Amino acid sequence: MVKKAKKEGTDLEAAALKELGKMKAKMENASKKVESYVKKNPEKAMLISAGIAAALAGAAALVASKKGKKKTAKKKK
């Protein structure tokens, strides 16, 4: 049983490393495309990144405000 488990673990590790390699290659390709787009369209890229930052800040503020409401609600009880 131990040998079988070790072999399965090794097989799973090999599969995971193979998938990791695929994802790494895809990310490198995407990174090159983004870099190329930014070089060709710096103004648009800046506006897109500012929009994403604003959306993330808004989401963070919403989550923070909900957590604050939960804490004050617990204190009132």
PDB file of N, CA and C in Angstrom:
ATOM      1  N   MET A   1       0.816  -1.205   0.000  1.00  0.00           N
ATOM      2  CA  MET A   1       0.000   0.000   0.000  1.00  0.00           C
ATOM      3  C   MET A   1       0.857   1.265   0.000  1.00  0.00           C
ATOM      4  N   VAL A   2       1.924   1.250   0.756  1.00  0.00           N
ATOM      5  CA  VAL A   2       2.786   2.424   0.836  1.00  0.00           C
ATOM      6  C   VAL A   2       3.445   2.686  -0.517  1.00  0.00           C
ATOM      7  N   LYS A   3       3.907   1.629  -1.178  1.00  0.00           N
ATOM      8  CA  LYS A   3       4.547   1.794  -2.490  1.00  0.00           C
ATOM      9  C   LYS A   3       3.550   2.343  -3.501  1.00  0.00           C
ATOM     10  N   LYS A   4       2.318   1.833  -3.430  1.00  0.00           N
ATOM     11  CA  LYS A   4       1.280   2.283  -4.356  1.00  0.00           C
ATOM     12  C   LYS A   4       0.971   3.762  -4.124  1.00  0.00           C
ATOM     13  N   ALA A   5       0.886   4.155  -2.857  1.00  0.00           N
ATOM     14  CA  ALA A   5       0.603   5.551  -2.518  1.00  0.00           C
ATOM     15  C   ALA A   5       1.748   6.457  -2.976  1.00  0.00           C
ATOM     16  N   LYS A   6       2.979   6.006  -2.803  1.00  0.00           N
ATOM     17  CA  LYS A   6       4.130   6.800  -3.239  1.00  0.00           C
ATOM     18  C   LYS A   6       4.124   6.979  -4.751  1.00  0.00           C
ATOM     19  N   LYS A   7       3.789   5.887  -5.479  1.00  0.00           N
ATOM     20  CA  LYS A   7       3.751   5.972  -6.941  1.00  0.00           C
ATOM     21  C   LYS A   7       2.657   6.935  -7.383  1.00  0.00           C
ATOM     22  N   GLU A   8       1.488   6.848  -6.767  1.00  0.00           N
ATOM     23  CA  GLU A   8       0.392   7.761  -7.113  1.00  0.00           C
ATOM     24  C   GLU A   8       0.764   9.201  -6.787  1.00  0.00           C
ATOM     25  N   GLY A   9       1.432   9.392  -5.672  1.00  0.00           N
ATOM     26  CA  GLY A   9       1.885  10.735  -5.302  1.00  0.00           C
ATOM     27  C   GLY A   9       2.875  11.282  -6.308  1.00  0.00           C
ATOM     28  N   THR A  10       3.770  10.436  -6.765  1.00  0.00           N
ATOM     29  CA  THR A  10       4.756  10.847  -7.773  1.00  0.00           C
ATOM     30  C   THR A  10       4.062  11.179  -9.089  1.00  0.00           C
ATOM     31  N   ASP A  11       3.075  10.359  -9.459  1.00  0.00           N
ATOM     32  CA  ASP A  11       2.315  10.619 -10.688  1.00  0.00           C
ATOM     33  C   ASP A  11       1.562  11.942 -10.598  1.00  0.00           C
ATOM     34  N   LEU A  12       0.944  12.192  -9.447  1.00  0.00           N
ATOM     35  CA  LEU A  12       0.216  13.449  -9.260  1.00  0.00           C
ATOM     36  C   LEU A  12       1.162  14.650  -9.305  1.00  0.00           C
ATOM     37  N   GLU A  13       2.334  14.481  -8.712  1.00  0.00           N
ATOM     38  CA  GLU A  13       3.309  15.567  -8.722  1.00  0.00           C
ATOM     39  C   GLU A  13       3.757  15.870 -10.150  1.00  0.00           C
ATOM     40  N   ALA A  14       3.984  14.826 -10.939  1.00  0.00           N
ATOM     41  CA  ALA A  14       4.400  15.018 -12.328  1.00  0.00           C
ATOM     42  C   ALA A  14       3.306  15.728 -13.125  1.00  0.00           C
ATOM     43  N   ALA A  15       2.065  15.338 -12.910  1.00  0.00           N
ATOM     44  CA  ALA A  15       0.949  15.980 -13.609  1.00  0.00           C
ATOM     45  C   ALA A  15       0.823  17.444 -13.202  1.00  0.00           C
ATOM     46  N   ALA A  16       0.991  17.706 -11.914  1.00  0.00           N
ATOM     47  CA  ALA A  16       0.897  19.085 -11.426  1.00  0.00           C
ATOM     48  C   ALA A  16       2.020  19.948 -12.013  1.00  0.00           C
ATOM     49  N   LEU A  17       3.216  19.420 -12.078  1.00  0.00           N
ATOM     50  CA  LEU A  17       4.339  20.163 -12.649  1.00  0.00           C
ATOM     51  C   LEU A  17       4.125  20.423 -14.141  1.00  0.00           C
ATOM     52  N   LYS A  18       3.532  19.454 -14.837  1.00  0.00           N
ATOM     53  CA  LYS A  18       3.244  19.632 -16.260  1.00  0.00           C
ATOM     54  C   LYS A  18       2.236  20.766 -16.455  1.00  0.00           C
ATOM     55  N   GLU A  19       1.177  20.770 -15.644  1.00  0.00           N
ATOM     56  CA  GLU A  19       0.166  21.831 -15.721  1.00  0.00           C
ATOM     57  C   GLU A  19       0.763  23.181 -15.348  1.00  0.00           C
ATOM     58  N   LEU A  20       1.641  23.192 -14.353  1.00  0.00           N
ATOM     59  CA  LEU A  20       2.312  24.424 -13.951  1.00  0.00           C
ATOM     60  C   LEU A  20       3.130  24.987 -15.108  1.00  0.00           C
ATOM     61  N   GLY A  21       3.805  24.122 -15.831  1.00  0.00           N
ATOM     62  CA  GLY A  21       4.579  24.556 -16.990  1.00  0.00           C
ATOM     63  C   GLY A  21       3.690  25.162 -18.066  1.00  0.00           C
ATOM     64  N   LYS A  22       2.528  24.547 -18.292  1.00  0.00           N
ATOM     65  CA  LYS A  22       1.585  25.080 -19.284  1.00  0.00           C
ATOM     66  C   LYS A  22       1.089  26.461 -18.871  1.00  0.00           C
ATOM     67  N   MET A  23       0.716  26.597 -17.593  1.00  0.00           N
ATOM     68  CA  MET A  23       0.216  27.885 -17.109  1.00  0.00           C
ATOM     69  C   MET A  23       1.300  28.957 -17.182  1.00  0.00           C
ATOM     70  N   LYS A  24       2.524  28.578 -16.867  1.00  0.00           N
ATOM     71  CA  LYS A  24       3.629  29.533 -16.917  1.00  0.00           C
ATOM     72  C   LYS A  24       3.835  30.035 -18.342  1.00  0.00           C
ATOM     73  N   ALA A  25       3.769  29.120 -19.312  1.00  0.00           N
ATOM     74  CA  ALA A  25       3.931  29.510 -20.716  1.00  0.00           C
ATOM     75  C   ALA A  25       2.799  30.448 -21.149  1.00  0.00           C
ATOM     76  N   LYS A  26       1.575  30.160 -20.712  1.00  0.00           N
ATOM     77  CA  LYS A  26       0.438  31.018 -21.058  1.00  0.00           C
ATOM     78  C   LYS A  26       0.585  32.404 -20.435  1.00  0.00           C
ATOM     79  N   MET A  27       1.059  32.457 -19.202  1.00  0.00           N
ATOM     80  CA  MET A  27       1.237  33.741 -18.533  1.00  0.00           C
ATOM     81  C   MET A  27       2.340  34.559 -19.200  1.00  0.00           C
ATOM     82  N   GLU A  28       3.399  33.909 -19.611  1.00  0.00           N
ATOM     83  CA  GLU A  28       4.474  34.623 -20.304  1.00  0.00           C
ATOM     84  C   GLU A  28       3.971  35.183 -21.630  1.00  0.00           C
ATOM     85  N   ASN A  29       3.160  34.409 -22.343  1.00  0.00           N
ATOM     86  CA  ASN A  29       2.588  34.856 -23.606  1.00  0.00           C
ATOM     87  C   ASN A  29       1.661  36.059 -23.374  1.00  0.00           C
ATOM     88  N   ALA A  30       0.822  35.956 -22.365  1.00  0.00           N
ATOM     89  CA  ALA A  30      -0.093  37.055 -22.045  1.00  0.00           C
ATOM     90  C   ALA A  30       0.691  38.304 -21.638  1.00  0.00           C
ATOM     91  N   SER A  31       1.754  38.105 -20.890  1.00  0.00           N
ATOM     92  CA  SER A  31       2.584  39.230 -20.456  1.00  0.00           C
ATOM     93  C   SER A  31       3.201  39.956 -21.650  1.00  0.00           C
ATOM     94  N   LYS A  32       3.652  39.196 -22.624  1.00  0.00           N
ATOM     95  CA  LYS A  32       4.235  39.803 -23.822  1.00  0.00           C
ATOM     96  C   LYS A  32       3.173  40.586 -24.599  1.00  0.00           C
ATOM     97  N   LYS A  33       1.967  40.040 -24.677  1.00  0.00           N
ATOM     98  CA  LYS A  33       0.888  40.737 -25.382  1.00  0.00           C
ATOM     99  C   LYS A  33       0.530  42.046 -24.676  1.00  0.00           C
ATOM    100  N   VAL A  34       0.466  42.003 -23.351  1.00  0.00           N
ATOM    101  CA  VAL A  34       0.147  43.203 -22.582  1.00  0.00           C
ATOM    102  C   VAL A  34       1.240  44.251 -22.776  1.00  0.00           C
ATOM    103  N   GLU A  35       2.476  43.818 -22.694  1.00  0.00           N
ATOM    104  CA  GLU A  35       3.602  44.747 -22.872  1.00  0.00           C
ATOM    105  C   GLU A  35       3.545  45.415 -24.246  1.00  0.00           C
ATOM    106  N   SER A  36       3.238  44.637 -25.259  1.00  0.00           N
ATOM    107  CA  SER A  36       3.128  45.171 -26.615  1.00  0.00           C
ATOM    108  C   SER A  36       1.985  46.180 -26.712  1.00  0.00           C
ATOM    109  N   TYR A  37       0.850  45.851 -26.107  1.00  0.00           N
ATOM    110  CA  TYR A  37      -0.306  46.751 -26.135  1.00  0.00           C
ATOM    111  C   TYR A  37       0.014  48.065 -25.430  1.00  0.00           C
ATOM    112  N   VAL A  38       0.686  47.968 -24.293  1.00  0.00           N
ATOM    113  CA  VAL A  38       1.026  49.166 -23.528  1.00  0.00           C
ATOM    114  C   VAL A  38       1.975  50.059 -24.319  1.00  0.00           C
ATOM    115  N   LYS A  39       2.917  49.456 -25.025  1.00  0.00           N
ATOM    116  CA  LYS A  39       3.843  50.255 -25.828  1.00  0.00           C
ATOM    117  C   LYS A  39       3.124  50.976 -26.961  1.00  0.00           C
ATOM    118  N   LYS A  40       2.129  50.305 -27.554  1.00  0.00           N
ATOM    119  CA  LYS A  40       1.399  50.898 -28.673  1.00  0.00           C
ATOM    120  C   LYS A  40       0.332  51.890 -28.216  1.00  0.00           C
ATOM    121  N   ASN A  41      -0.258  51.669 -27.042  1.00  0.00           N
ATOM    122  CA  ASN A  41      -1.373  52.484 -26.548  1.00  0.00           C
ATOM    123  C   ASN A  41      -1.151  52.886 -25.087  1.00  0.00           C
ATOM    124  N   PRO A  42      -0.165  53.720 -24.807  1.00  0.00           N
ATOM    125  CA  PRO A  42       0.125  54.032 -23.402  1.00  0.00           C
ATOM    126  C   PRO A  42      -1.016  54.762 -22.687  1.00  0.00           C
ATOM    127  N   GLU A  43      -1.718  55.661 -23.391  1.00  0.00           N
ATOM    128  CA  GLU A  43      -2.802  56.405 -22.738  1.00  0.00           C
ATOM    129  C   GLU A  43      -3.959  55.472 -22.371  1.00  0.00           C
ATOM    130  N   LYS A  44      -4.348  54.633 -23.317  1.00  0.00           N
ATOM    131  CA  LYS A  44      -5.439  53.693 -23.045  1.00  0.00           C
ATOM    132  C   LYS A  44      -5.062  52.737 -21.914  1.00  0.00           C
ATOM    133  N   ALA A  45      -3.827  52.269 -21.935  1.00  0.00           N
ATOM    134  CA  ALA A  45      -3.369  51.344 -20.903  1.00  0.00           C
ATOM    135  C   ALA A  45      -3.418  52.001 -19.529  1.00  0.00           C
ATOM    136  N   MET A  46      -3.029  53.279 -19.469  1.00  0.00           N
ATOM    137  CA  MET A  46      -3.060  53.995 -18.200  1.00  0.00           C
ATOM    138  C   MET A  46      -4.500  54.143 -17.708  1.00  0.00           C
ATOM    139  N   LEU A  47      -5.413  54.486 -18.606  1.00  0.00           N
ATOM    140  CA  LEU A  47      -6.817  54.644 -18.214  1.00  0.00           C
ATOM    141  C   LEU A  47      -7.424  53.317 -17.771  1.00  0.00           C
ATOM    142  N   ILE A  48      -7.081  52.246 -18.467  1.00  0.00           N
ATOM    143  CA  ILE A  48      -7.586  50.928 -18.080  1.00  0.00           C
ATOM    144  C   ILE A  48      -7.082  50.559 -16.695  1.00  0.00           C
ATOM    145  N   SER A  49      -5.793  50.762 -16.444  1.00  0.00           N
ATOM    146  CA  SER A  49      -5.243  50.402 -15.134  1.00  0.00           C
ATOM    147  C   SER A  49      -5.826  51.289 -14.032  1.00  0.00           C
ATOM    148  N   ALA A  50      -6.066  52.561 -14.331  1.00  0.00           N
ATOM    149  CA  ALA A  50      -6.678  53.446 -13.337  1.00  0.00           C
ATOM    150  C   ALA A  50      -8.104  52.995 -13.043  1.00  0.00           C
ATOM    151  N   GLY A  51      -8.825  52.579 -14.068  1.00  0.00           N
ATOM    152  CA  GLY A  51     -10.192  52.084 -13.869  1.00  0.00           C
ATOM    153  C   GLY A  51     -10.219  50.825 -13.029  1.00  0.00           C
ATOM    154  N   ILE A  52      -9.291  49.925 -13.286  1.00  0.00           N
ATOM    155  CA  ILE A  52      -9.216  48.685 -12.505  1.00  0.00           C
ATOM    156  C   ILE A  52      -8.875  49.015 -11.056  1.00  0.00           C
ATOM    157  N   ALA A  53      -7.939  49.927 -10.849  1.00  0.00           N
ATOM    158  CA  ALA A  53      -7.554  50.317  -9.484  1.00  0.00           C
ATOM    159  C   ALA A  53      -8.737  50.934  -8.744  1.00  0.00           C
ATOM    160  N   ALA A  54      -9.508  51.763  -9.446  1.00  0.00           N
ATOM    161  CA  ALA A  54     -10.671  52.386  -8.814  1.00  0.00           C
ATOM    162  C   ALA A  54     -11.723  51.340  -8.456  1.00  0.00           C
ATOM    163  N   ALA A  55     -11.933  50.384  -9.342  1.00  0.00           N
ATOM    164  CA  ALA A  55     -12.902  49.328  -9.068  1.00  0.00           C
ATOM    165  C   ALA A  55     -12.472  48.483  -7.868  1.00  0.00           C
ATOM    166  N   LEU A  56     -11.189  48.152  -7.809  1.00  0.00           N
ATOM    167  CA  LEU A  56     -10.687  47.369  -6.672  1.00  0.00           C
ATOM    168  C   LEU A  56     -10.771  48.164  -5.374  1.00  0.00           C
ATOM    169  N   ALA A  57     -10.471  49.453  -5.436  1.00  0.00           N
ATOM    170  CA  ALA A  57     -10.576  50.289  -4.235  1.00  0.00           C
ATOM    171  C   ALA A  57     -12.023  50.377  -3.776  1.00  0.00           C
ATOM    172  N   GLY A  58     -12.944  50.501  -4.723  1.00  0.00           N
ATOM    173  CA  GLY A  58     -14.362  50.533  -4.364  1.00  0.00           C
ATOM    174  C   GLY A  58     -14.821  49.234  -3.735  1.00  0.00           C
ATOM    175  N   ALA A  59     -14.376  48.125  -4.290  1.00  0.00           N
ATOM    176  CA  ALA A  59     -14.739  46.822  -3.723  1.00  0.00           C
ATOM    177  C   ALA A  59     -14.155  46.652  -2.323  1.00  0.00           C
ATOM    178  N   ALA A  60     -12.911  47.093  -2.142  1.00  0.00           N
ATOM    179  CA  ALA A  60     -12.277  46.997  -0.822  1.00  0.00           C
ATOM    180  C   ALA A  60     -13.012  47.868   0.191  1.00  0.00           C
ATOM    181  N   ALA A  61     -13.435  49.056  -0.227  1.00  0.00           N
ATOM    182  CA  ALA A  61     -14.173  49.948   0.671  1.00  0.00           C
ATOM    183  C   ALA A  61     -15.523  49.336   1.042  1.00  0.00           C
ATOM    184  N   LEU A  62     -16.164  48.700   0.081  1.00  0.00           N
ATOM    185  CA  LEU A  62     -17.458  48.058   0.347  1.00  0.00           C
ATOM    186  C   LEU A  62     -17.303  46.922   1.343  1.00  0.00           C
ATOM    187  N   VAL A  63     -16.290  46.109   1.152  1.00  0.00           N
ATOM    188  CA  VAL A  63     -16.045  44.996   2.076  1.00  0.00           C
ATOM    189  C   VAL A  63     -15.700  45.532   3.459  1.00  0.00           C
ATOM    190  N   ALA A  64     -14.864  46.566   3.513  1.00  0.00           N
ATOM    191  CA  ALA A  64     -14.476  47.141   4.797  1.00  0.00           C
ATOM    192  C   ALA A  64     -15.681  47.742   5.511  1.00  0.00           C
ATOM    193  N   SER A  65     -16.571  48.371   4.779  1.00  0.00           N
ATOM    194  CA  SER A  65     -17.740  48.978   5.421  1.00  0.00           C
ATOM    195  C   SER A  65     -18.690  47.907   5.936  1.00  0.00           C
ATOM    196  N   LYS A  66     -18.802  46.801   5.253  1.00  0.00           N
ATOM    197  CA  LYS A  66     -19.660  45.705   5.733  1.00  0.00           C
ATOM    198  C   LYS A  66     -19.086  45.098   6.998  1.00  0.00           C
ATOM    199  N   LYS A  67     -17.767  44.950   7.070  1.00  0.00           N
ATOM    200  CA  LYS A  67     -17.135  44.403   8.265  1.00  0.00           C
ATOM    201  C   LYS A  67     -17.336  45.353   9.439  1.00  0.00           C
ATOM    202  N   GLY A  68     -17.242  46.647   9.177  1.00  0.00           N
ATOM    203  CA  GLY A  68     -17.441  47.639  10.240  1.00  0.00           C
ATOM    204  C   GLY A  68     -18.861  47.611  10.765  1.00  0.00           C
ATOM    205  N   LYS A  69     -19.845  47.428   9.881  1.00  0.00           N
ATOM    206  CA  LYS A  69     -21.241  47.348  10.303  1.00  0.00           C
ATOM    207  C   LYS A  69     -21.484  46.120  11.160  1.00  0.00           C
ATOM    208  N   LYS A  70     -20.838  44.997  10.815  1.00  0.00           N
ATOM    209  CA  LYS A  70     -21.010  43.769  11.599  1.00  0.00           C
ATOM    210  C   LYS A  70     -20.456  43.953  13.004  1.00  0.00           C
ATOM    211  N   LYS A  71     -19.326  44.631  13.132  1.00  0.00           N
ATOM    212  CA  LYS A  71     -18.724  44.841  14.447  1.00  0.00           C
ATOM    213  C   LYS A  71     -19.594  45.744  15.306  1.00  0.00           C
ATOM    214  N   THR A  72     -20.142  46.805  14.722  1.00  0.00           N
ATOM    215  CA  THR A  72     -20.982  47.703  15.514  1.00  0.00           C
ATOM    216  C   THR A  72     -22.295  47.039  15.858  1.00  0.00           C
ATOM    217  N   ALA A  73     -22.802  46.192  14.991  1.00  0.00           N
ATOM    218  CA  ALA A  73     -24.048  45.488  15.283  1.00  0.00           C
ATOM    219  C   ALA A  73     -23.856  44.534  16.457  1.00  0.00           C
ATOM    220  N   LYS A  74     -22.705  43.888  16.536  1.00  0.00           N
ATOM    221  CA  LYS A  74     -22.434  42.975  17.633  1.00  0.00           C
ATOM    222  C   LYS A  74     -22.288  43.735  18.950  1.00  0.00           C
ATOM    223  N   LYS A  75     -21.708  44.926  18.900  1.00  0.00           N
ATOM    224  CA  LYS A  75     -21.519  45.709  20.114  1.00  0.00           C
ATOM    225  C   LYS A  75     -22.846  46.187  20.676  1.00  0.00           C
ATOM    226  N   LYS A  76     -23.826  46.477  19.830  1.00  0.00           N
ATOM    227  CA  LYS A  76     -25.124  46.976  20.285  1.00  0.00           C
ATOM    228  C   LYS A  76     -25.898  45.919  21.045  1.00  0.00           C
ATOM    229  N   LYS A  77     -25.691  44.657  20.719  1.00  0.00           N
ATOM    230  CA  LYS A  77     -26.416  43.572  21.391  1.00  0.00           C
ATOM    231  C   LYS A  77     -25.925  43.407  22.754  1.00  0.00           C
TER     232      LYS A  77
END
